[in-house]
């Protein structure tokens, strides 16, 4: 029985953090690492946090990690073939609407 790779481990969080720090001058918050790991594992993510708490990091850092892992897979053998699920030239689409924001406030 083969065990599928999961980004939901401390070792994977450390890997994500190292990759982000290749491109950004700071270390992401733990909750951002957990969110990125969830996205990389194919889960949906909804983050409702205060302004300035790093929500943009979820999408921006996920894009950086996907870029790094798909462009340089030999540098990250611990990930194995899991990145093959991503297209060669991935597109991440991020939409925010005033309607969604106003509806969240009424929950």
N, C-alpha and C. Protein backbone atom coordinates (compact mmCIF):
# COMPACT_ATOMS: atom_id res chain seq x y z
N UNK A 1 0.85 -1.18 0.00
CA UNK A 1 0.00 0.00 0.00
C UNK A 1 0.89 1.24 0.00
N UNK A 2 0.64 2.15 -0.92
CA UNK A 2 1.44 3.37 -0.97
C UNK A 2 0.77 4.46 -0.13
N UNK A 3 1.60 5.24 0.52
CA UNK A 3 1.10 6.35 1.33
C UNK A 3 1.22 7.61 0.49
N UNK A 4 0.13 8.34 0.35
CA UNK A 4 0.19 9.55 -0.44
C UNK A 4 0.80 10.68 0.38
N UNK A 5 1.49 11.55 -0.29
CA UNK A 5 2.16 12.68 0.36
C UNK A 5 1.13 13.70 0.82
N UNK A 6 1.38 14.30 1.97
CA UNK A 6 0.53 15.38 2.48
C UNK A 6 1.41 16.53 2.90
N UNK A 7 0.95 17.73 2.63
CA UNK A 7 1.66 18.92 3.07
C UNK A 7 1.31 19.29 4.51
N UNK A 8 0.44 18.51 5.15
CA UNK A 8 -0.02 18.81 6.50
C UNK A 8 0.90 18.22 7.57
N UNK A 9 2.19 18.48 7.47
CA UNK A 9 3.16 18.04 8.47
C UNK A 9 4.10 19.20 8.80
N UNK A 10 4.73 19.13 9.95
CA UNK A 10 5.66 20.20 10.32
C UNK A 10 6.81 20.28 9.31
N UNK A 11 7.26 19.13 8.85
CA UNK A 11 8.34 19.12 7.85
C UNK A 11 7.92 19.86 6.57
N UNK A 12 6.67 19.65 6.16
CA UNK A 12 6.17 20.34 4.97
C UNK A 12 5.97 21.82 5.23
N UNK A 13 5.52 22.19 6.43
CA UNK A 13 5.40 23.61 6.78
C UNK A 13 6.76 24.28 6.68
N UNK A 14 7.80 23.58 7.19
CA UNK A 14 9.16 24.12 7.13
C UNK A 14 9.60 24.30 5.68
N UNK A 15 9.27 23.32 4.84
CA UNK A 15 9.61 23.41 3.41
C UNK A 15 8.91 24.60 2.77
N UNK A 16 7.63 24.75 3.03
CA UNK A 16 6.87 25.88 2.48
C UNK A 16 7.49 27.20 2.94
N UNK A 17 7.83 27.28 4.22
CA UNK A 17 8.43 28.50 4.77
C UNK A 17 9.76 28.81 4.09
N UNK A 18 10.60 27.80 3.90
CA UNK A 18 11.89 28.01 3.23
C UNK A 18 11.69 28.51 1.80
N UNK A 19 10.74 27.94 1.10
CA UNK A 19 10.49 28.37 -0.28
C UNK A 19 9.99 29.81 -0.30
N UNK A 20 9.05 30.15 0.57
CA UNK A 20 8.55 31.53 0.62
C UNK A 20 9.69 32.49 0.89
N UNK A 21 10.60 32.12 1.78
CA UNK A 21 11.70 33.01 2.14
C UNK A 21 12.73 33.16 1.02
N UNK A 22 12.67 32.31 -0.01
CA UNK A 22 13.50 32.53 -1.20
C UNK A 22 13.06 33.78 -1.94
N UNK A 23 11.76 34.11 -1.82
CA UNK A 23 11.17 35.20 -2.58
C UNK A 23 10.74 36.39 -1.73
N UNK A 24 10.47 36.17 -0.47
CA UNK A 24 9.98 37.22 0.42
C UNK A 24 10.96 37.40 1.58
N UNK A 25 11.09 38.62 2.09
CA UNK A 25 12.09 38.89 3.12
C UNK A 25 11.66 38.56 4.54
N UNK A 26 10.63 37.76 4.71
CA UNK A 26 10.17 37.43 6.05
C UNK A 26 9.54 36.05 6.08
N UNK A 27 9.34 35.54 7.28
CA UNK A 27 8.75 34.22 7.47
C UNK A 27 7.24 34.36 7.63
N UNK A 28 6.47 33.54 6.90
CA UNK A 28 5.01 33.62 7.02
C UNK A 28 4.52 33.13 8.38
N UNK A 29 3.36 33.64 8.80
CA UNK A 29 2.73 33.18 10.04
C UNK A 29 2.40 31.69 9.94
N UNK A 30 2.34 31.01 11.08
CA UNK A 30 2.01 29.59 11.10
C UNK A 30 0.65 29.31 10.47
N UNK A 31 -0.34 30.16 10.74
CA UNK A 31 -1.68 29.92 10.17
C UNK A 31 -1.67 30.09 8.65
N UNK A 32 -0.78 30.92 8.14
CA UNK A 32 -0.66 31.05 6.68
C UNK A 32 -0.02 29.79 6.11
N UNK A 33 0.99 29.26 6.79
CA UNK A 33 1.62 28.00 6.35
C UNK A 33 0.60 26.87 6.32
N UNK A 34 -0.23 26.80 7.35
CA UNK A 34 -1.26 25.76 7.40
C UNK A 34 -2.26 25.92 6.26
N UNK A 35 -2.64 27.16 5.95
CA UNK A 35 -3.55 27.40 4.84
C UNK A 35 -2.95 27.03 3.51
N UNK A 36 -1.69 27.39 3.31
CA UNK A 36 -1.00 27.04 2.06
C UNK A 36 -0.93 25.52 1.92
N UNK A 37 -0.59 24.84 3.00
CA UNK A 37 -0.51 23.38 2.97
C UNK A 37 -1.86 22.78 2.59
N UNK A 38 -2.93 23.32 3.12
CA UNK A 38 -4.27 22.83 2.77
C UNK A 38 -4.55 23.02 1.29
N UNK A 39 -4.22 24.21 0.77
CA UNK A 39 -4.42 24.47 -0.66
C UNK A 39 -3.59 23.51 -1.52
N UNK A 40 -2.34 23.28 -1.12
CA UNK A 40 -1.48 22.38 -1.88
C UNK A 40 -1.99 20.94 -1.85
N UNK A 41 -2.70 20.60 -0.78
CA UNK A 41 -3.30 19.26 -0.68
C UNK A 41 -4.65 19.17 -1.38
N UNK A 42 -5.05 20.27 -2.05
CA UNK A 42 -6.28 20.24 -2.84
C UNK A 42 -7.53 20.59 -2.07
N UNK A 43 -7.38 21.14 -0.89
CA UNK A 43 -8.55 21.55 -0.10
C UNK A 43 -8.90 23.00 -0.40
N UNK A 44 -10.15 23.34 -0.18
CA UNK A 44 -10.59 24.72 -0.29
C UNK A 44 -10.20 25.46 0.99
N UNK A 45 -10.08 26.78 0.89
CA UNK A 45 -9.70 27.58 2.04
C UNK A 45 -10.53 28.85 2.08
N UNK A 46 -11.13 29.11 3.22
CA UNK A 46 -11.77 30.39 3.48
C UNK A 46 -11.09 30.95 4.71
N UNK A 47 -10.54 32.16 4.59
CA UNK A 47 -9.83 32.79 5.70
C UNK A 47 -10.50 34.12 6.02
N UNK A 48 -11.00 34.21 7.23
CA UNK A 48 -11.60 35.45 7.70
C UNK A 48 -10.74 35.92 8.87
N UNK A 49 -9.91 36.90 8.59
CA UNK A 49 -8.98 37.40 9.60
C UNK A 49 -8.95 38.93 9.51
N UNK A 50 -8.43 39.59 10.53
CA UNK A 50 -8.40 41.06 10.50
C UNK A 50 -7.56 41.61 9.35
N UNK A 51 -7.86 42.82 8.96
CA UNK A 51 -7.07 43.52 7.95
C UNK A 51 -5.62 43.58 8.40
N UNK A 52 -4.73 43.28 7.47
CA UNK A 52 -3.30 43.34 7.77
C UNK A 52 -2.73 42.10 8.42
N UNK A 53 -3.53 41.03 8.50
CA UNK A 53 -3.06 39.82 9.18
C UNK A 53 -2.41 38.81 8.25
N UNK A 54 -2.38 39.08 6.95
CA UNK A 54 -1.67 38.20 6.04
C UNK A 54 -2.52 37.38 5.09
N UNK A 55 -3.77 37.75 4.88
CA UNK A 55 -4.62 36.97 3.97
C UNK A 55 -4.04 36.93 2.55
N UNK A 56 -3.47 38.01 2.11
CA UNK A 56 -2.88 38.04 0.78
C UNK A 56 -1.77 37.00 0.66
N UNK A 57 -1.12 36.70 1.76
CA UNK A 57 -0.07 35.70 1.76
C UNK A 57 -0.55 34.32 1.35
N UNK A 58 -1.80 34.00 1.68
CA UNK A 58 -2.32 32.69 1.28
C UNK A 58 -2.20 32.49 -0.22
N UNK A 59 -2.64 33.47 -0.97
CA UNK A 59 -2.65 33.31 -2.43
C UNK A 59 -1.28 33.57 -3.03
N UNK A 60 -0.61 34.63 -2.57
CA UNK A 60 0.68 34.99 -3.14
C UNK A 60 1.73 33.92 -2.85
N UNK A 61 1.78 33.46 -1.62
CA UNK A 61 2.79 32.47 -1.25
C UNK A 61 2.48 31.10 -1.85
N UNK A 62 1.19 30.78 -1.96
CA UNK A 62 0.84 29.52 -2.63
C UNK A 62 1.34 29.55 -4.06
N UNK A 63 1.16 30.66 -4.74
CA UNK A 63 1.64 30.79 -6.12
C UNK A 63 3.16 30.63 -6.18
N UNK A 64 3.88 31.23 -5.23
CA UNK A 64 5.34 31.11 -5.21
C UNK A 64 5.77 29.67 -4.97
N UNK A 65 5.10 29.00 -4.05
CA UNK A 65 5.47 27.61 -3.74
C UNK A 65 5.18 26.70 -4.93
N UNK A 66 4.02 26.85 -5.54
CA UNK A 66 3.70 26.04 -6.72
C UNK A 66 4.72 26.30 -7.83
N UNK A 67 5.04 27.56 -8.03
CA UNK A 67 6.04 27.92 -9.05
C UNK A 67 7.37 27.23 -8.76
N UNK A 68 7.85 27.35 -7.55
CA UNK A 68 9.15 26.77 -7.19
C UNK A 68 9.15 25.25 -7.30
N UNK A 69 8.12 24.60 -6.79
CA UNK A 69 8.08 23.13 -6.82
C UNK A 69 7.89 22.57 -8.22
N UNK A 70 7.15 23.28 -9.08
CA UNK A 70 6.97 22.77 -10.44
C UNK A 70 8.16 23.09 -11.34
N UNK A 71 8.86 24.18 -11.05
CA UNK A 71 10.00 24.56 -11.88
C UNK A 71 11.30 23.84 -11.49
N UNK A 72 11.40 23.47 -10.22
CA UNK A 72 12.64 22.85 -9.72
C UNK A 72 12.34 21.59 -8.90
N UNK A 73 11.65 20.62 -9.47
CA UNK A 73 11.26 19.44 -8.68
C UNK A 73 12.45 18.64 -8.15
N UNK A 74 13.57 18.65 -8.84
CA UNK A 74 14.74 17.89 -8.39
C UNK A 74 15.31 18.43 -7.08
N UNK A 75 15.06 19.71 -6.79
CA UNK A 75 15.54 20.30 -5.54
C UNK A 75 14.72 19.85 -4.34
N UNK A 76 13.55 19.26 -4.58
CA UNK A 76 12.62 18.91 -3.51
C UNK A 76 12.16 17.45 -3.63
N UNK A 77 13.10 16.50 -3.53
CA UNK A 77 12.73 15.09 -3.72
C UNK A 77 11.72 14.58 -2.69
N UNK A 78 11.66 15.24 -1.52
CA UNK A 78 10.72 14.78 -0.49
C UNK A 78 9.26 14.94 -0.92
N UNK A 79 9.02 15.81 -1.88
CA UNK A 79 7.65 16.02 -2.36
C UNK A 79 7.25 14.92 -3.33
N UNK A 80 8.22 14.32 -3.99
CA UNK A 80 7.93 13.24 -4.92
C UNK A 80 7.15 13.70 -6.12
N UNK A 81 6.21 12.88 -6.55
CA UNK A 81 5.44 13.16 -7.76
C UNK A 81 4.17 13.95 -7.50
N UNK A 82 3.97 14.39 -6.28
CA UNK A 82 2.71 15.07 -5.95
C UNK A 82 2.49 16.32 -6.79
N UNK A 83 3.54 16.99 -7.21
CA UNK A 83 3.38 18.23 -7.98
C UNK A 83 2.92 17.97 -9.41
N UNK A 84 2.92 16.73 -9.84
CA UNK A 84 2.43 16.42 -11.19
C UNK A 84 0.94 16.70 -11.34
N UNK A 85 0.23 16.87 -10.21
CA UNK A 85 -1.19 17.18 -10.29
C UNK A 85 -1.43 18.63 -10.72
N UNK A 86 -0.39 19.46 -10.65
CA UNK A 86 -0.51 20.85 -11.07
C UNK A 86 -0.16 20.96 -12.55
N UNK A 87 -0.86 21.82 -13.29
CA UNK A 87 -0.53 21.98 -14.70
C UNK A 87 0.84 22.62 -14.89
N UNK A 88 1.38 22.45 -16.06
CA UNK A 88 2.71 22.99 -16.35
C UNK A 88 2.77 24.51 -16.15
N UNK A 89 1.75 25.20 -16.56
CA UNK A 89 1.67 26.66 -16.38
C UNK A 89 0.40 26.98 -15.59
N UNK A 90 0.46 26.80 -14.27
CA UNK A 90 -0.76 26.96 -13.48
C UNK A 90 -1.26 28.41 -13.44
N UNK A 91 -2.55 28.53 -13.28
CA UNK A 91 -3.20 29.84 -13.13
C UNK A 91 -3.96 29.82 -11.81
N UNK A 92 -3.71 30.80 -10.98
CA UNK A 92 -4.45 30.94 -9.74
C UNK A 92 -5.29 32.19 -9.88
N UNK A 93 -6.59 32.01 -9.73
CA UNK A 93 -7.53 33.12 -9.90
C UNK A 93 -8.08 33.49 -8.53
N UNK A 94 -8.01 34.77 -8.21
CA UNK A 94 -8.43 35.26 -6.90
C UNK A 94 -9.46 36.34 -7.12
N UNK A 95 -10.67 36.10 -6.68
CA UNK A 95 -11.75 37.06 -6.85
C UNK A 95 -12.29 37.48 -5.49
N UNK A 96 -12.46 38.75 -5.32
CA UNK A 96 -13.08 39.28 -4.11
C UNK A 96 -14.21 40.19 -4.57
N UNK A 97 -15.36 40.01 -4.01
CA UNK A 97 -16.48 40.87 -4.39
C UNK A 97 -17.00 41.61 -3.17
N UNK A 98 -17.55 42.77 -3.41
CA UNK A 98 -18.17 43.54 -2.32
C UNK A 98 -19.34 42.75 -1.75
N UNK A 99 -20.05 42.02 -2.60
CA UNK A 99 -21.18 41.23 -2.13
C UNK A 99 -20.72 40.18 -1.12
N UNK A 100 -19.68 39.45 -1.46
CA UNK A 100 -19.18 38.41 -0.56
C UNK A 100 -18.75 39.02 0.76
N UNK A 101 -18.02 40.12 0.69
CA UNK A 101 -17.57 40.78 1.91
C UNK A 101 -18.72 41.24 2.78
N UNK A 102 -19.76 41.79 2.19
CA UNK A 102 -20.90 42.25 2.98
C UNK A 102 -21.68 41.09 3.55
N UNK A 103 -21.77 39.97 2.81
CA UNK A 103 -22.47 38.80 3.31
C UNK A 103 -21.73 38.17 4.50
N UNK A 104 -20.41 38.15 4.44
CA UNK A 104 -19.63 37.59 5.54
C UNK A 104 -19.87 38.37 6.82
N UNK A 105 -20.01 39.68 6.71
CA UNK A 105 -20.25 40.51 7.88
C UNK A 105 -21.59 40.24 8.54
N UNK A 106 -22.54 39.65 7.79
CA UNK A 106 -23.87 39.39 8.33
C UNK A 106 -24.04 37.98 8.86
N UNK A 107 -23.01 37.18 8.86
CA UNK A 107 -23.11 35.79 9.34
C UNK A 107 -23.20 35.80 10.85
